[in-house]
Amino acid sequence: MRIKKPVSQGDEPATVNGRASYWLRTQTPLASLIVLVPLILFYETSLAVLGKNAVRNALAMDGAMNDIKARRLLFDFFEWLGINGYYLPGLVIAAILISWHLIRRDPWWFSPRTYLFMWIESLVLVVPLFVFAMIYIQKMQIAAAGAEDLHTVEAIVLSIGAGIYEELLFRLIGITLLHMLLVDWLKLPRKWGAATVIAATAIGFSLYHDPFDRDNIHRLGLFVFYACTGVYFAGIYLLRGFGIVAWTHALYDIFALIQKLQYDYDTVV
């Protein structure tokens, strides 16, 4: 899905008033890149701080640190091209967003206040999803699935990585490519194209987390939960941009991890 280009080319992308200006500024590739810099640096630096073995484990499909499969797919793709580097996926995000910024010919601007409000907005957007998860899945077992054998620090690092790279794979890349295929090339009506893209990426997001098993009611419930979560993230991406949806995803995973740790503590005590 393409974000409408701001009217103003020479200055910050402002329109009629401050509220409209903020709505447009937050959807620009430059704003997404700047607001995501802390997450990317924290995740990639944490891999280095955790040590060489931890980095290898984080990239291994069956490593001690559970794999962020979305990041692994990027790593494998570039390895297939003959390009190696543990930290290349993080640079890819920057390259994509800067290239997108240049293609759109957006102005170069820096607005700390905008980024602060983007972080606040991401925090607000976490609340409905977190409440839904608490209601739908008791004890938040879904959100921390696969993190039982990890140290807390490793789990937090991987939660942040999941927010970045899963949104990169399913929203920034997945939605964009499917929209190009269905709407731009196959000429599907824009409304039906959007619905199809959202549904397809949501189902893919669910299968990515928990393969569907129609004979297992519990896993069917997980499938539905992740599909609904995928629809929610897709809506945030289309309306608010990549930076906000990645932060929302990362914050949700962290809050869910904290909830699970609290539950485990209360159970032991």
Protein backbone atom coordinates (compact mmCIF):
# COMPACT_ATOMS: atom_id res chain seq x y z
CA MET A 1 0.00 0.00 0.00
CA ARG A 2 1.38 3.36 -0.85
CA ILE A 3 1.22 6.26 1.52
CA LYS A 4 0.01 9.47 -0.06
CA LYS A 5 2.77 11.95 -0.63
CA PRO A 6 2.62 15.14 1.44
CA VAL A 7 1.68 18.25 -0.49
CA SER A 8 4.69 20.24 0.66
CA GLN A 9 8.00 19.41 -1.03
CA GLY A 10 10.32 22.05 0.29
CA ASP A 11 9.67 22.01 4.02
CA GLU A 12 8.37 19.56 6.58
CA PRO A 13 5.34 17.67 5.23
CA ALA A 14 2.72 19.91 6.84
CA THR A 15 -0.76 20.62 5.54
CA VAL A 16 -3.58 22.55 7.14
CA ASN A 17 -2.80 22.31 10.82
CA GLY A 18 -0.44 20.69 13.30
CA ARG A 19 -2.59 17.60 13.75
CA ALA A 20 -2.69 16.86 10.02
CA SER A 21 1.01 17.57 9.82
CA TYR A 22 1.79 15.03 12.51
CA TRP A 23 -0.41 12.42 10.80
CA LEU A 24 1.55 12.77 7.58
CA ARG A 25 5.01 13.16 9.08
CA THR A 26 4.74 9.90 11.03
CA GLN A 27 4.05 7.94 7.84
CA THR A 28 7.18 9.05 6.00
CA PRO A 29 10.11 6.62 5.59
CA LEU A 30 12.49 9.09 7.22
CA ALA A 31 10.36 9.32 10.38
CA SER A 32 10.12 5.52 10.52
CA LEU A 33 13.88 5.16 10.21
CA ILE A 34 14.70 7.74 12.88
CA VAL A 35 12.17 6.42 15.37
CA LEU A 36 13.41 2.86 14.84
CA VAL A 37 17.11 3.65 15.26
CA PRO A 38 17.05 2.97 19.05
CA LEU A 39 15.39 -0.43 18.52
CA ILE A 40 17.74 -1.50 15.73
CA LEU A 41 20.86 -0.34 17.56
CA PHE A 42 19.75 -2.01 20.80
CA TYR A 43 19.02 -5.31 19.11
CA GLU A 44 22.11 -5.48 16.92
CA THR A 45 24.38 -4.22 19.72
CA SER A 46 22.88 -6.75 22.13
CA LEU A 47 23.83 -9.55 19.77
CA ALA A 48 27.43 -8.35 19.90
CA VAL A 49 27.40 -7.88 23.68
CA LEU A 50 25.91 -11.32 24.27
CA GLY A 51 28.91 -12.78 22.46
CA LYS A 52 29.74 -14.62 19.29
CA ASN A 53 28.02 -17.86 20.30
CA ALA A 54 24.84 -16.01 21.24
CA VAL A 55 24.87 -14.31 17.86
CA ARG A 56 25.19 -17.66 16.12
CA ASN A 57 22.41 -19.11 18.25
CA ALA A 58 20.14 -16.17 17.50
CA LEU A 59 20.56 -16.84 13.79
CA ALA A 60 20.30 -20.62 13.97
CA MET A 61 16.98 -22.29 13.28
CA ASP A 62 17.44 -24.60 16.28
CA GLY A 63 19.69 -22.43 18.42
CA ALA A 64 19.53 -22.01 22.19
CA MET A 65 18.17 -18.54 21.68
CA ASN A 66 14.93 -19.00 19.75
CA ASP A 67 15.32 -17.89 16.18
CA ILE A 68 13.72 -14.77 14.81
CA LYS A 69 12.78 -16.52 11.60
CA ALA A 70 12.06 -13.28 9.78
CA ARG A 71 15.63 -12.13 10.38
CA ARG A 72 16.96 -15.55 9.43
CA LEU A 73 15.15 -15.37 6.09
CA LEU A 74 16.90 -12.09 5.30
CA PHE A 75 20.22 -13.53 6.42
CA ASP A 76 19.74 -16.63 4.23
CA PHE A 77 18.71 -14.52 1.25
CA PHE A 78 21.87 -12.44 1.33
CA GLU A 79 23.96 -15.52 2.05
CA TRP A 80 22.47 -17.05 -1.11
CA LEU A 81 23.61 -13.95 -2.97
CA GLY A 82 27.11 -14.49 -1.60
CA ILE A 83 26.91 -11.66 0.94
CA ASN A 84 27.62 -12.55 4.56
CA GLY A 85 27.36 -10.53 7.75
CA TYR A 86 25.63 -11.03 11.08
CA TYR A 87 24.42 -7.45 11.17
CA LEU A 88 23.45 -7.05 7.52
CA PRO A 89 19.66 -7.33 8.13
CA GLY A 90 19.74 -4.17 10.26
CA LEU A 91 21.50 -2.29 7.50
CA VAL A 92 18.90 -3.56 5.04
CA ILE A 93 16.14 -1.80 6.98
CA ALA A 94 18.03 1.48 6.82
CA ALA A 95 18.75 0.99 3.11
CA ILE A 96 15.08 0.27 2.31
CA LEU A 97 13.76 3.28 4.20
CA ILE A 98 16.40 5.69 2.86
CA SER A 99 15.80 4.44 -0.69
CA TRP A 100 12.06 4.86 -0.21
CA HIS A 101 12.66 8.37 1.11
CA LEU A 102 14.74 9.27 -1.95
CA ILE A 103 12.24 7.76 -4.39
CA ARG A 104 9.44 9.81 -2.85
CA ARG A 105 11.71 12.85 -2.88
CA ASP A 106 10.60 13.78 0.61
CA PRO A 107 12.36 16.71 2.31
CA TRP A 108 15.05 16.02 4.90
CA TRP A 109 13.80 17.14 8.29
CA PHE A 110 14.27 16.34 11.95
CA SER A 111 11.52 16.78 14.54
CA PRO A 112 12.22 15.33 18.03
CA ARG A 113 8.72 16.21 19.17
CA THR A 114 7.25 14.10 16.35
CA TYR A 115 9.33 11.07 17.35
CA LEU A 116 8.35 11.48 21.01
CA PHE A 117 4.68 11.44 20.08
CA MET A 118 5.25 8.43 17.81
CA TRP A 119 6.66 6.51 20.78
CA ILE A 120 3.72 7.60 22.93
CA GLU A 121 1.28 6.61 20.20
CA SER A 122 2.90 3.18 19.93
CA LEU A 123 2.50 2.74 23.68
CA VAL A 124 -1.19 3.65 23.41
CA LEU A 125 -1.73 1.27 20.50
CA VAL A 126 -0.31 -1.61 22.54
CA VAL A 127 -3.12 -1.37 25.09
CA PRO A 128 -6.04 -2.70 22.97
CA LEU A 129 -3.95 -5.63 21.74
CA PHE A 130 -2.67 -6.44 25.21
CA VAL A 131 -6.18 -6.36 26.68
CA PHE A 132 -7.44 -8.55 23.83
CA ALA A 133 -4.64 -11.04 24.47
CA MET A 134 -5.36 -11.17 28.21
CA ILE A 135 -9.01 -11.85 27.51
CA TYR A 136 -8.47 -14.30 24.66
CA ILE A 137 -5.52 -16.24 26.03
CA GLN A 138 -5.43 -16.67 29.77
CA LYS A 139 -2.06 -16.27 31.48
CA MET A 140 -0.57 -14.82 28.26
CA GLN A 141 0.96 -18.14 27.25
CA ILE A 142 0.88 -17.21 23.58
CA ALA A 143 2.98 -14.08 23.82
CA ALA A 144 5.87 -15.79 25.57
CA ALA A 145 5.64 -19.03 23.61
CA GLY A 146 9.06 -20.52 23.09
CA ALA A 147 10.74 -18.21 25.61
CA GLU A 148 10.61 -20.55 28.57
CA ASP A 149 14.26 -21.61 28.34
CA LEU A 150 15.69 -18.16 27.73
CA HIS A 151 17.22 -15.75 30.19
CA THR A 152 15.17 -12.60 30.69
CA VAL A 153 17.71 -10.39 28.91
CA GLU A 154 17.80 -12.70 25.89
CA ALA A 155 14.00 -12.84 25.80
CA ILE A 156 13.75 -9.04 25.84
CA VAL A 157 16.32 -8.74 23.07
CA LEU A 158 14.44 -11.24 20.92
CA SER A 159 11.12 -9.49 21.63
CA ILE A 160 12.58 -6.29 20.23
CA GLY A 161 14.06 -8.13 17.26
CA ALA A 162 10.71 -9.74 16.51
CA GLY A 163 9.02 -6.34 16.47
CA ILE A 164 11.52 -5.06 13.92
CA TYR A 165 12.01 -8.00 11.58
CA GLU A 166 8.56 -9.57 11.62
CA GLU A 167 7.05 -6.21 10.73
CA LEU A 168 9.68 -5.78 8.03
CA LEU A 169 8.79 -9.18 6.53
CA PHE A 170 5.00 -9.18 6.83
CA ARG A 171 4.08 -5.53 6.65
CA LEU A 172 6.74 -3.48 4.87
CA ILE A 173 7.76 -6.17 2.38
CA GLY A 174 4.76 -8.50 2.38
CA ILE A 175 2.00 -5.91 2.08
CA THR A 176 3.94 -3.86 -0.47
CA LEU A 177 4.72 -6.80 -2.76
CA LEU A 178 1.22 -8.29 -2.57
CA HIS A 179 -0.32 -4.90 -3.28
CA MET A 180 1.91 -4.50 -6.33
CA LEU A 181 0.94 -7.97 -7.55
CA LEU A 182 -2.82 -7.80 -6.95
CA VAL A 183 -3.62 -4.14 -7.54
CA ASP A 184 -0.86 -2.75 -9.77
CA TRP A 185 -0.26 -5.80 -11.98
CA LEU A 186 -3.45 -7.89 -11.82
CA LYS A 187 -5.67 -4.77 -11.61
CA LEU A 188 -7.79 -6.03 -8.73
CA PRO A 189 -10.08 -3.27 -7.43
CA ARG A 190 -8.23 -1.31 -4.76
CA LYS A 191 -10.77 -2.08 -2.01
CA TRP A 192 -10.75 -5.82 -2.67
CA GLY A 193 -7.01 -5.76 -3.15
CA ALA A 194 -6.51 -4.17 0.26
CA ALA A 195 -8.80 -6.71 1.94
CA THR A 196 -7.02 -9.60 0.24
CA VAL A 197 -3.57 -8.30 1.15
CA ILE A 198 -4.51 -7.80 4.80
CA ALA A 199 -6.09 -11.26 5.01
CA ALA A 200 -3.17 -12.97 3.27
CA THR A 201 -0.48 -11.35 5.41
CA ALA A 202 -2.49 -12.01 8.58
CA ILE A 203 -2.81 -15.70 7.73
CA GLY A 204 0.88 -15.84 6.86
CA PHE A 205 1.73 -14.13 10.14
CA SER A 206 -0.34 -16.71 12.03
CA LEU A 207 1.21 -19.68 10.23
CA TYR A 208 4.65 -18.20 10.87
CA HIS A 209 4.00 -18.28 14.63
CA ASP A 210 1.85 -21.36 15.05
CA PRO A 211 1.18 -23.82 12.18
CA PHE A 212 -2.50 -24.58 11.81
CA ASP A 213 -3.74 -27.90 13.21
CA ARG A 214 -7.48 -28.40 12.76
CA ASP A 215 -7.44 -31.45 15.04
CA ASN A 216 -6.12 -29.47 18.00
CA ILE A 217 -8.60 -26.95 19.40
CA HIS A 218 -5.93 -25.18 21.46
CA ARG A 219 -3.71 -24.64 18.44
CA LEU A 220 -6.71 -23.54 16.42
CA GLY A 221 -7.28 -20.87 19.06
CA LEU A 222 -3.66 -19.77 18.71
CA PHE A 223 -4.06 -19.63 14.94
CA VAL A 224 -7.08 -17.34 15.26
CA PHE A 225 -5.31 -15.15 17.82
CA TYR A 226 -2.26 -14.60 15.65
CA ALA A 227 -4.42 -13.96 12.59
CA CYS A 228 -6.35 -11.27 14.48
CA THR A 229 -3.06 -9.81 15.67
CA GLY A 230 -1.83 -9.76 12.07
CA VAL A 231 -4.92 -7.83 10.99
CA TYR A 232 -4.37 -5.34 13.81
CA PHE A 233 -0.72 -4.79 12.89
CA ALA A 234 -1.63 -4.46 9.21
CA GLY A 235 -4.15 -1.76 10.08
CA ILE A 236 -1.56 0.15 12.10
CA TYR A 237 0.97 -0.14 9.29
CA LEU A 238 -1.43 1.12 6.63
CA LEU A 239 -2.75 3.99 8.73
CA ARG A 240 0.27 4.96 10.82
CA GLY A 241 3.37 3.66 9.05
CA PHE A 242 6.19 1.19 9.56
CA GLY A 243 7.92 2.92 12.49
CA ILE A 244 4.86 2.94 14.72
CA VAL A 245 3.79 -0.62 13.95
CA ALA A 246 7.30 -1.98 14.63
CA TRP A 247 7.43 -0.16 17.98
CA THR A 248 3.91 -1.35 18.84
CA HIS A 249 4.86 -4.95 18.07
CA ALA A 250 8.09 -4.78 20.09
CA LEU A 251 6.36 -3.16 23.08
CA TYR A 252 3.60 -5.75 23.00
CA ASP A 253 6.11 -8.61 23.07
CA ILE A 254 7.94 -7.00 25.98
CA PHE A 255 4.75 -6.40 27.97
CA ALA A 256 3.62 -9.96 27.28
CA LEU A 257 6.98 -11.27 28.49
CA ILE A 258 6.72 -9.21 31.67
CA GLN A 259 3.20 -10.54 32.21
CA LYS A 260 4.40 -14.12 31.83
CA LEU A 261 7.35 -13.57 34.18
CA GLN A 262 4.97 -12.17 36.77
CA TYR A 263 2.66 -15.14 36.35
CA ASP A 264 5.56 -17.60 36.68
CA TYR A 265 6.74 -15.80 39.82
CA ASP A 266 3.29 -15.84 41.38
CA THR A 267 2.95 -19.54 40.56
CA VAL A 268 6.25 -20.42 42.24
CA VAL A 269 5.56 -18.26 45.28
